mmCIF file of all heavy atoms, coordinates in Angstrom:
data_MODEL
# 
_entry.id   MODEL 
# 
loop_
_atom_site.group_PDB 
_atom_site.id 
_atom_site.type_symbol 
_atom_site.label_atom_id 
_atom_site.label_alt_id 
_atom_site.label_comp_id 
_atom_site.label_asym_id 
_atom_site.label_entity_id 
_atom_site.label_seq_id 
_atom_site.pdbx_PDB_ins_code 
_atom_site.Cartn_x 
_atom_site.Cartn_y 
_atom_site.Cartn_z 
_atom_site.occupancy 
_atom_site.B_iso_or_equiv 
_atom_site.pdbx_formal_charge 
_atom_site.auth_seq_id 
_atom_site.auth_comp_id 
_atom_site.auth_asym_id 
_atom_site.auth_atom_id 
_atom_site.pdbx_PDB_model_num 
ATOM 1   N N   . LYS A 1 1  ? 40.804 -18.437 8.655  1.00 0.00 ? 1  LYS A N   1 
ATOM 2   C CA  . LYS A 1 1  ? 40.231 -17.556 7.577  1.00 0.00 ? 1  LYS A CA  1 
ATOM 3   C C   . LYS A 1 1  ? 39.936 -18.342 6.312  1.00 0.00 ? 1  LYS A C   1 
ATOM 4   O O   . LYS A 1 1  ? 39.295 -17.882 5.375  1.00 0.00 ? 1  LYS A O   1 
ATOM 5   C CB  . LYS A 1 1  ? 41.056 -16.322 7.305  1.00 0.00 ? 1  LYS A CB  1 
ATOM 6   C CG  . LYS A 1 1  ? 42.382 -16.602 6.597  1.00 0.00 ? 1  LYS A CG  1 
ATOM 7   C CD  . LYS A 1 1  ? 43.027 -15.218 6.220  1.00 0.00 ? 1  LYS A CD  1 
ATOM 8   C CE  . LYS A 1 1  ? 44.246 -15.410 5.338  1.00 0.00 ? 1  LYS A CE  1 
ATOM 9   N NZ  . LYS A 1 1  ? 45.420 -15.972 6.027  1.00 0.00 ? 1  LYS A NZ  1 
ATOM 10  N N   . GLU A 1 2  ? 40.409 -19.623 6.303  1.00 0.00 ? 2  GLU A N   1 
ATOM 11  C CA  . GLU A 1 2  ? 40.183 -20.515 5.132  1.00 0.00 ? 2  GLU A CA  1 
ATOM 12  C C   . GLU A 1 2  ? 39.196 -21.666 5.477  1.00 0.00 ? 2  GLU A C   1 
ATOM 13  O O   . GLU A 1 2  ? 39.142 -22.637 4.820  1.00 0.00 ? 2  GLU A O   1 
ATOM 14  C CB  . GLU A 1 2  ? 41.506 -21.123 4.694  1.00 0.00 ? 2  GLU A CB  1 
ATOM 15  C CG  . GLU A 1 2  ? 42.535 -20.125 4.156  1.00 0.00 ? 2  GLU A CG  1 
ATOM 16  C CD  . GLU A 1 2  ? 43.861 -20.817 3.941  1.00 0.00 ? 2  GLU A CD  1 
ATOM 17  O OE1 . GLU A 1 2  ? 44.073 -21.440 2.904  1.00 0.00 ? 2  GLU A OE1 1 
ATOM 18  O OE2 . GLU A 1 2  ? 44.730 -20.668 4.820  1.00 0.00 ? 2  GLU A OE2 1 
ATOM 19  N N   . ASP A 1 3  ? 38.366 -21.453 6.500  1.00 0.00 ? 3  ASP A N   1 
ATOM 20  C CA  . ASP A 1 3  ? 37.405 -22.476 6.850  1.00 0.00 ? 3  ASP A CA  1 
ATOM 21  C C   . ASP A 1 3  ? 36.397 -22.746 5.802  1.00 0.00 ? 3  ASP A C   1 
ATOM 22  O O   . ASP A 1 3  ? 35.819 -21.816 5.205  1.00 0.00 ? 3  ASP A O   1 
ATOM 23  C CB  . ASP A 1 3  ? 36.671 -22.116 8.171  1.00 0.00 ? 3  ASP A CB  1 
ATOM 24  C CG  . ASP A 1 3  ? 37.557 -22.330 9.380  1.00 0.00 ? 3  ASP A CG  1 
ATOM 25  O OD1 . ASP A 1 3  ? 38.589 -22.984 9.310  1.00 0.00 ? 3  ASP A OD1 1 
ATOM 26  O OD2 . ASP A 1 3  ? 37.193 -21.788 10.485 1.00 0.00 ? 3  ASP A OD2 1 
ATOM 27  N N   . ALA A 1 4  ? 36.144 -24.014 5.474  1.00 0.00 ? 4  ALA A N   1 
ATOM 28  C CA  . ALA A 1 4  ? 35.231 -24.405 4.446  1.00 0.00 ? 4  ALA A CA  1 
ATOM 29  C C   . ALA A 1 4  ? 33.753 -24.426 4.913  1.00 0.00 ? 4  ALA A C   1 
ATOM 30  O O   . ALA A 1 4  ? 33.500 -24.670 6.087  1.00 0.00 ? 4  ALA A O   1 
ATOM 31  C CB  . ALA A 1 4  ? 35.615 -25.846 3.918  1.00 0.00 ? 4  ALA A CB  1 
ATOM 32  N N   . GLY A 1 5  ? 32.870 -24.060 3.969  1.00 0.00 ? 5  GLY A N   1 
ATOM 33  C CA  . GLY A 1 5  ? 31.439 -24.078 4.256  1.00 0.00 ? 5  GLY A CA  1 
ATOM 34  C C   . GLY A 1 5  ? 30.626 -24.866 3.248  1.00 0.00 ? 5  GLY A C   1 
ATOM 35  O O   . GLY A 1 5  ? 31.170 -25.303 2.210  1.00 0.00 ? 5  GLY A O   1 
ATOM 36  N N   . VAL A 1 6  ? 29.342 -24.951 3.476  1.00 0.00 ? 6  VAL A N   1 
ATOM 37  C CA  . VAL A 1 6  ? 28.433 -25.678 2.609  1.00 0.00 ? 6  VAL A CA  1 
ATOM 38  C C   . VAL A 1 6  ? 27.063 -25.013 2.676  1.00 0.00 ? 6  VAL A C   1 
ATOM 39  O O   . VAL A 1 6  ? 26.608 -24.549 3.700  1.00 0.00 ? 6  VAL A O   1 
ATOM 40  C CB  . VAL A 1 6  ? 28.281 -27.156 3.124  1.00 0.00 ? 6  VAL A CB  1 
ATOM 41  C CG1 . VAL A 1 6  ? 27.121 -27.818 2.418  1.00 0.00 ? 6  VAL A CG1 1 
ATOM 42  C CG2 . VAL A 1 6  ? 29.559 -27.950 2.917  1.00 0.00 ? 6  VAL A CG2 1 
ATOM 43  N N   . VAL A 1 7  ? 26.425 -24.964 1.500  1.00 0.00 ? 7  VAL A N   1 
ATOM 44  C CA  . VAL A 1 7  ? 24.941 -24.652 1.404  1.00 0.00 ? 7  VAL A CA  1 
ATOM 45  C C   . VAL A 1 7  ? 24.331 -25.860 0.741  1.00 0.00 ? 7  VAL A C   1 
ATOM 46  O O   . VAL A 1 7  ? 24.665 -26.162 -0.415 1.00 0.00 ? 7  VAL A O   1 
ATOM 47  C CB  . VAL A 1 7  ? 24.676 -23.379 0.633  1.00 0.00 ? 7  VAL A CB  1 
ATOM 48  C CG1 . VAL A 1 7  ? 23.201 -23.033 0.592  1.00 0.00 ? 7  VAL A CG1 1 
ATOM 49  C CG2 . VAL A 1 7  ? 25.481 -22.201 1.168  1.00 0.00 ? 7  VAL A CG2 1 
ATOM 50  N N   . CYS A 1 8  ? 23.437 -26.538 1.406  1.00 0.00 ? 8  CYS A N   1 
ATOM 51  C CA  . CYS A 1 8  ? 22.749 -27.682 0.880  1.00 0.00 ? 8  CYS A CA  1 
ATOM 52  C C   . CYS A 1 8  ? 21.378 -27.378 0.270  1.00 0.00 ? 8  CYS A C   1 
ATOM 53  O O   . CYS A 1 8  ? 20.786 -26.337 0.649  1.00 0.00 ? 8  CYS A O   1 
ATOM 54  C CB  . CYS A 1 8  ? 22.524 -28.763 1.985  1.00 0.00 ? 8  CYS A CB  1 
ATOM 55  S SG  . CYS A 1 8  ? 24.079 -29.257 2.836  1.00 0.00 ? 8  CYS A SG  1 
ATOM 56  N N   . SER A 1 9  ? 20.891 -28.285 -0.561 1.00 0.00 ? 9  SER A N   1 
ATOM 57  C CA  . SER A 1 9  ? 19.636 -28.014 -1.252 1.00 0.00 ? 9  SER A CA  1 
ATOM 58  C C   . SER A 1 9  ? 18.398 -27.938 -0.257 1.00 0.00 ? 9  SER A C   1 
ATOM 59  O O   . SER A 1 9  ? 17.475 -27.215 -0.592 1.00 0.00 ? 9  SER A O   1 
ATOM 60  C CB  . SER A 1 9  ? 19.369 -29.111 -2.256 1.00 0.00 ? 9  SER A CB  1 
ATOM 61  O OG  . SER A 1 9  ? 19.293 -30.358 -1.646 1.00 0.00 ? 9  SER A OG  1 
ATOM 62  N N   . GLU A 1 10 ? 18.490 -28.586 0.848  1.00 0.00 ? 10 GLU A N   1 
ATOM 63  C CA  . GLU A 1 10 ? 17.354 -28.535 1.767  1.00 0.00 ? 10 GLU A CA  1 
ATOM 64  C C   . GLU A 1 10 ? 17.386 -27.309 2.731  1.00 0.00 ? 10 GLU A C   1 
ATOM 65  O O   . GLU A 1 10 ? 16.480 -27.160 3.522  1.00 0.00 ? 10 GLU A O   1 
ATOM 66  C CB  . GLU A 1 10 ? 17.305 -29.817 2.623  1.00 0.00 ? 10 GLU A CB  1 
ATOM 67  C CG  . GLU A 1 10 ? 17.044 -31.057 1.823  1.00 0.00 ? 10 GLU A CG  1 
ATOM 68  C CD  . GLU A 1 10 ? 15.754 -31.007 1.021  1.00 0.00 ? 10 GLU A CD  1 
ATOM 69  O OE1 . GLU A 1 10 ? 14.691 -31.051 1.673  1.00 0.00 ? 10 GLU A OE1 1 
ATOM 70  O OE2 . GLU A 1 10 ? 15.838 -30.950 -0.207 1.00 0.00 ? 10 GLU A OE2 1 
ATOM 71  N N   . HIS A 1 11 ? 18.433 -26.439 2.593  1.00 0.00 ? 11 HIS A N   1 
ATOM 72  C CA  . HIS A 1 11 ? 18.484 -25.231 3.278  1.00 0.00 ? 11 HIS A CA  1 
ATOM 73  C C   . HIS A 1 11 ? 17.390 -24.284 2.778  1.00 0.00 ? 11 HIS A C   1 
ATOM 74  O O   . HIS A 1 11 ? 17.149 -24.253 1.553  1.00 0.00 ? 11 HIS A O   1 
ATOM 75  C CB  . HIS A 1 11 ? 19.850 -24.572 3.150  1.00 0.00 ? 11 HIS A CB  1 
ATOM 76  C CG  . HIS A 1 11 ? 19.852 -23.097 3.512  1.00 0.00 ? 11 HIS A CG  1 
ATOM 77  N ND1 . HIS A 1 11 ? 19.712 -22.678 4.818  1.00 0.00 ? 11 HIS A ND1 1 
ATOM 78  C CD2 . HIS A 1 11 ? 20.003 -22.008 2.715  1.00 0.00 ? 11 HIS A CD2 1 
ATOM 79  C CE1 . HIS A 1 11 ? 19.720 -21.340 4.773  1.00 0.00 ? 11 HIS A CE1 1 
ATOM 80  N NE2 . HIS A 1 11 ? 19.898 -20.919 3.572  1.00 0.00 ? 11 HIS A NE2 1 
ATOM 81  N N   . GLN A 1 12 ? 16.703 -23.603 3.656  1.00 0.00 ? 12 GLN A N   1 
ATOM 82  C CA  . GLN A 1 12 ? 15.758 -22.579 3.233  1.00 0.00 ? 12 GLN A CA  1 
ATOM 83  C C   . GLN A 1 12 ? 16.129 -21.213 3.768  1.00 0.00 ? 12 GLN A C   1 
ATOM 84  O O   . GLN A 1 12 ? 16.481 -21.104 4.951  1.00 0.00 ? 12 GLN A O   1 
ATOM 85  C CB  . GLN A 1 12 ? 14.319 -22.926 3.761  1.00 0.00 ? 12 GLN A CB  1 
ATOM 86  C CG  . GLN A 1 12 ? 13.749 -24.249 3.228  1.00 0.00 ? 12 GLN A CG  1 
ATOM 87  C CD  . GLN A 1 12 ? 12.386 -24.539 3.781  1.00 0.00 ? 12 GLN A CD  1 
ATOM 88  O OE1 . GLN A 1 12 ? 11.571 -23.562 4.033  1.00 0.00 ? 12 GLN A OE1 1 
ATOM 89  N NE2 . GLN A 1 12 ? 12.036 -25.797 3.932  1.00 0.00 ? 12 GLN A NE2 1 
ATOM 90  N N   . GLU A 1 13 ? 16.022 -20.194 2.924  1.00 0.00 ? 13 GLU A N   1 
ATOM 91  C CA  . GLU A 1 13 ? 16.132 -18.853 3.416  1.00 0.00 ? 13 GLU A CA  1 
ATOM 92  C C   . GLU A 1 13 ? 15.043 -17.975 2.759  1.00 0.00 ? 13 GLU A C   1 
ATOM 93  O O   . GLU A 1 13 ? 14.494 -18.393 1.739  1.00 0.00 ? 13 GLU A O   1 
ATOM 94  C CB  . GLU A 1 13 ? 17.550 -18.274 3.170  1.00 0.00 ? 13 GLU A CB  1 
ATOM 95  C CG  . GLU A 1 13 ? 17.905 -18.089 1.715  1.00 0.00 ? 13 GLU A CG  1 
ATOM 96  C CD  . GLU A 1 13 ? 19.367 -17.728 1.599  1.00 0.00 ? 13 GLU A CD  1 
ATOM 97  O OE1 . GLU A 1 13 ? 20.293 -18.557 1.645  1.00 0.00 ? 13 GLU A OE1 1 
ATOM 98  O OE2 . GLU A 1 13 ? 19.608 -16.474 1.380  1.00 0.00 ? 13 GLU A OE2 1 
ATOM 99  N N   . TRP A 1 14 ? 14.806 -16.855 3.385  1.00 0.00 ? 14 TRP A N   1 
ATOM 100 C CA  . TRP A 1 14 ? 13.578 -16.084 2.942  1.00 0.00 ? 14 TRP A CA  1 
ATOM 101 C C   . TRP A 1 14 ? 13.980 -14.670 2.701  1.00 0.00 ? 14 TRP A C   1 
ATOM 102 O O   . TRP A 1 14 ? 14.908 -14.103 3.308  1.00 0.00 ? 14 TRP A O   1 
ATOM 103 C CB  . TRP A 1 14 ? 12.476 -16.126 4.012  1.00 0.00 ? 14 TRP A CB  1 
ATOM 104 C CG  . TRP A 1 14 ? 12.055 -17.543 4.308  1.00 0.00 ? 14 TRP A CG  1 
ATOM 105 C CD1 . TRP A 1 14 ? 11.055 -18.261 3.624  1.00 0.00 ? 14 TRP A CD1 1 
ATOM 106 C CD2 . TRP A 1 14 ? 12.588 -18.452 5.228  1.00 0.00 ? 14 TRP A CD2 1 
ATOM 107 N NE1 . TRP A 1 14 ? 10.981 -19.512 4.134  1.00 0.00 ? 14 TRP A NE1 1 
ATOM 108 C CE2 . TRP A 1 14 ? 11.872 -19.680 5.126  1.00 0.00 ? 14 TRP A CE2 1 
ATOM 109 C CE3 . TRP A 1 14 ? 13.623 -18.358 6.196  1.00 0.00 ? 14 TRP A CE3 1 
ATOM 110 C CZ2 . TRP A 1 14 ? 12.206 -20.773 5.926  1.00 0.00 ? 14 TRP A CZ2 1 
ATOM 111 C CZ3 . TRP A 1 14 ? 13.917 -19.436 7.028  1.00 0.00 ? 14 TRP A CZ3 1 
ATOM 112 C CH2 . TRP A 1 14 ? 13.170 -20.694 6.852  1.00 0.00 ? 14 TRP A CH2 1 
ATOM 113 N N   . ARG A 1 15 ? 13.184 -13.980 1.883  1.00 0.00 ? 15 ARG A N   1 
ATOM 114 C CA  . ARG A 1 15 ? 13.343 -12.511 1.680  1.00 0.00 ? 15 ARG A CA  1 
ATOM 115 C C   . ARG A 1 15 ? 11.925 -11.992 1.348  1.00 0.00 ? 15 ARG A C   1 
ATOM 116 O O   . ARG A 1 15 ? 11.031 -12.715 0.864  1.00 0.00 ? 15 ARG A O   1 
ATOM 117 C CB  . ARG A 1 15 ? 14.284 -12.190 0.580  1.00 0.00 ? 15 ARG A CB  1 
ATOM 118 C CG  . ARG A 1 15 ? 13.856 -12.655 -0.838 1.00 0.00 ? 15 ARG A CG  1 
ATOM 119 C CD  . ARG A 1 15 ? 14.918 -12.458 -1.897 1.00 0.00 ? 15 ARG A CD  1 
ATOM 120 N NE  . ARG A 1 15 ? 14.410 -12.779 -3.223 1.00 0.00 ? 15 ARG A NE  1 
ATOM 121 C CZ  . ARG A 1 15 ? 15.191 -12.950 -4.277 1.00 0.00 ? 15 ARG A CZ  1 
ATOM 122 N NH1 . ARG A 1 15 ? 16.496 -12.794 -4.132 1.00 0.00 ? 15 ARG A NH1 1 
ATOM 123 N NH2 . ARG A 1 15 ? 14.636 -13.287 -5.439 1.00 0.00 ? 15 ARG A NH2 1 
ATOM 124 N N   . LEU A 1 16 ? 11.809 -10.676 1.567  1.00 0.00 ? 16 LEU A N   1 
ATOM 125 C CA  . LEU A 1 16 ? 10.559 -9.990  1.138  1.00 0.00 ? 16 LEU A CA  1 
ATOM 126 C C   . LEU A 1 16 ? 10.941 -9.047  0.006  1.00 0.00 ? 16 LEU A C   1 
ATOM 127 O O   . LEU A 1 16 ? 11.920 -8.259  0.171  1.00 0.00 ? 16 LEU A O   1 
ATOM 128 C CB  . LEU A 1 16 ? 9.959  -9.257  2.324  1.00 0.00 ? 16 LEU A CB  1 
ATOM 129 C CG  . LEU A 1 16 ? 9.526  -10.116 3.514  1.00 0.00 ? 16 LEU A CG  1 
ATOM 130 C CD1 . LEU A 1 16 ? 9.035  -9.277  4.681  1.00 0.00 ? 16 LEU A CD1 1 
ATOM 131 C CD2 . LEU A 1 16 ? 8.451  -11.115 3.032  1.00 0.00 ? 16 LEU A CD2 1 
ATOM 132 N N   . SER A 1 17 ? 10.273 -9.187  -1.107 1.00 0.00 ? 17 SER A N   1 
ATOM 133 C CA  . SER A 1 17 ? 10.676 -8.349  -2.257 1.00 0.00 ? 17 SER A CA  1 
ATOM 134 C C   . SER A 1 17 ? 9.544  -7.408  -2.712 1.00 0.00 ? 17 SER A C   1 
ATOM 135 O O   . SER A 1 17 ? 8.360  -7.722  -2.496 1.00 0.00 ? 17 SER A O   1 
ATOM 136 C CB  . SER A 1 17 ? 11.050 -9.250  -3.460 1.00 0.00 ? 17 SER A CB  1 
ATOM 137 O OG  . SER A 1 17 ? 9.926  -9.837  -3.995 1.00 0.00 ? 17 SER A OG  1 
ATOM 138 N N   . GLY A 1 18 ? 9.959  -6.240  -3.232 1.00 0.00 ? 18 GLY A N   1 
ATOM 139 C CA  . GLY A 1 18 ? 9.012  -5.294  -3.759 1.00 0.00 ? 18 GLY A CA  1 
ATOM 140 C C   . GLY A 1 18 ? 8.354  -4.349  -2.743 1.00 0.00 ? 18 GLY A C   1 
ATOM 141 O O   . GLY A 1 18 ? 7.567  -3.496  -3.104 1.00 0.00 ? 18 GLY A O   1 
ATOM 142 N N   . GLY A 1 19 ? 8.745  -4.440  -1.472 1.00 0.00 ? 19 GLY A N   1 
ATOM 143 C CA  . GLY A 1 19 ? 8.194  -3.549  -0.478 1.00 0.00 ? 19 GLY A CA  1 
ATOM 144 C C   . GLY A 1 19 ? 9.133  -2.356  -0.232 1.00 0.00 ? 19 GLY A C   1 
ATOM 145 O O   . GLY A 1 19 ? 10.133 -2.166  -0.898 1.00 0.00 ? 19 GLY A O   1 
ATOM 146 N N   . ARG A 1 20 ? 8.742  -1.558  0.776  1.00 0.00 ? 20 ARG A N   1 
ATOM 147 C CA  . ARG A 1 20 ? 9.558  -0.334  1.007  1.00 0.00 ? 20 ARG A CA  1 
ATOM 148 C C   . ARG A 1 20 ? 10.919 -0.664  1.649  1.00 0.00 ? 20 ARG A C   1 
ATOM 149 O O   . ARG A 1 20 ? 11.816 0.130   1.545  1.00 0.00 ? 20 ARG A O   1 
ATOM 150 C CB  . ARG A 1 20 ? 8.722  0.584   1.933  1.00 0.00 ? 20 ARG A CB  1 
ATOM 151 C CG  . ARG A 1 20 ? 8.461  -0.028  3.286  1.00 0.00 ? 20 ARG A CG  1 
ATOM 152 C CD  . ARG A 1 20 ? 7.816  0.919   4.273  1.00 0.00 ? 20 ARG A CD  1 
ATOM 153 N NE  . ARG A 1 20 ? 7.738  0.276   5.564  1.00 0.00 ? 20 ARG A NE  1 
ATOM 154 C CZ  . ARG A 1 20 ? 6.683  -0.367  5.979  1.00 0.00 ? 20 ARG A CZ  1 
ATOM 155 N NH1 . ARG A 1 20 ? 5.544  -0.421  5.281  1.00 0.00 ? 20 ARG A NH1 1 
ATOM 156 N NH2 . ARG A 1 20 ? 6.690  -0.993  7.179  1.00 0.00 ? 20 ARG A NH2 1 
ATOM 157 N N   . ASP A 1 21 ? 11.031 -1.787  2.272  1.00 0.00 ? 21 ASP A N   1 
ATOM 158 C CA  . ASP A 1 21 ? 12.343 -2.202  2.841  1.00 0.00 ? 21 ASP A CA  1 
ATOM 159 C C   . ASP A 1 21 ? 12.323 -3.733  2.996  1.00 0.00 ? 21 ASP A C   1 
ATOM 160 O O   . ASP A 1 21 ? 11.430 -4.422  2.521  1.00 0.00 ? 21 ASP A O   1 
ATOM 161 C CB  . ASP A 1 21 ? 12.598 -1.512  4.224  1.00 0.00 ? 21 ASP A CB  1 
ATOM 162 C CG  . ASP A 1 21 ? 11.549 -1.869  5.269  1.00 0.00 ? 21 ASP A CG  1 
ATOM 163 O OD1 . ASP A 1 21 ? 10.840 -2.872  5.108  1.00 0.00 ? 21 ASP A OD1 1 
ATOM 164 O OD2 . ASP A 1 21 ? 11.472 -1.105  6.243  1.00 0.00 ? 21 ASP A OD2 1 
ATOM 165 N N   . GLY A 1 22 ? 13.303 -4.274  3.625  1.00 0.00 ? 22 GLY A N   1 
ATOM 166 C CA  . GLY A 1 22 ? 13.402 -5.770  3.763  1.00 0.00 ? 22 GLY A CA  1 
ATOM 167 C C   . GLY A 1 22 ? 12.400 -6.373  4.691  1.00 0.00 ? 22 GLY A C   1 
ATOM 168 O O   . GLY A 1 22 ? 12.408 -7.569  4.985  1.00 0.00 ? 22 GLY A O   1 
ATOM 169 N N   . CYS A 1 23 ? 11.521 -5.532  5.267  1.00 0.00 ? 23 CYS A N   1 
ATOM 170 C CA  . CYS A 1 23 ? 10.481 -6.050  6.233  1.00 0.00 ? 23 CYS A CA  1 
ATOM 171 C C   . CYS A 1 23 ? 9.068  -5.980  5.616  1.00 0.00 ? 23 CYS A C   1 
ATOM 172 O O   . CYS A 1 23 ? 8.031  -6.062  6.345  1.00 0.00 ? 23 CYS A O   1 
ATOM 173 C CB  . CYS A 1 23 ? 10.513 -5.270  7.512  1.00 0.00 ? 23 CYS A CB  1 
ATOM 174 S SG  . CYS A 1 23 ? 12.002 -5.693  8.498  1.00 0.00 ? 23 CYS A SG  1 
ATOM 175 N N   . ALA A 1 24 ? 8.941  -5.808  4.341  1.00 0.00 ? 24 ALA A N   1 
ATOM 176 C CA  . ALA A 1 24 ? 7.621  -5.764  3.670  1.00 0.00 ? 24 ALA A CA  1 
ATOM 177 C C   . ALA A 1 24 ? 7.756  -6.244  2.258  1.00 0.00 ? 24 ALA A C   1 
ATOM 178 O O   . ALA A 1 24 ? 8.803  -5.990  1.582  1.00 0.00 ? 24 ALA A O   1 
ATOM 179 C CB  . ALA A 1 24 ? 7.060  -4.354  3.710  1.00 0.00 ? 24 ALA A CB  1 
ATOM 180 N N   . GLY A 1 25 ? 6.707  -6.914  1.786  1.00 0.00 ? 25 GLY A N   1 
ATOM 181 C CA  . GLY A 1 25 ? 6.676  -7.330  0.330  1.00 0.00 ? 25 GLY A CA  1 
ATOM 182 C C   . GLY A 1 25 ? 6.202  -8.738  0.134  1.00 0.00 ? 25 GLY A C   1 
ATOM 183 O O   . GLY A 1 25 ? 5.682  -9.352  1.018  1.00 0.00 ? 25 GLY A O   1 
# 
């Protein structure tokens, strides 16, 4: 439960904003 993690600068994640739900925008 104490396992270490990392988020690096070259990681990409995406989101849709301003739409009716997380699948539009």
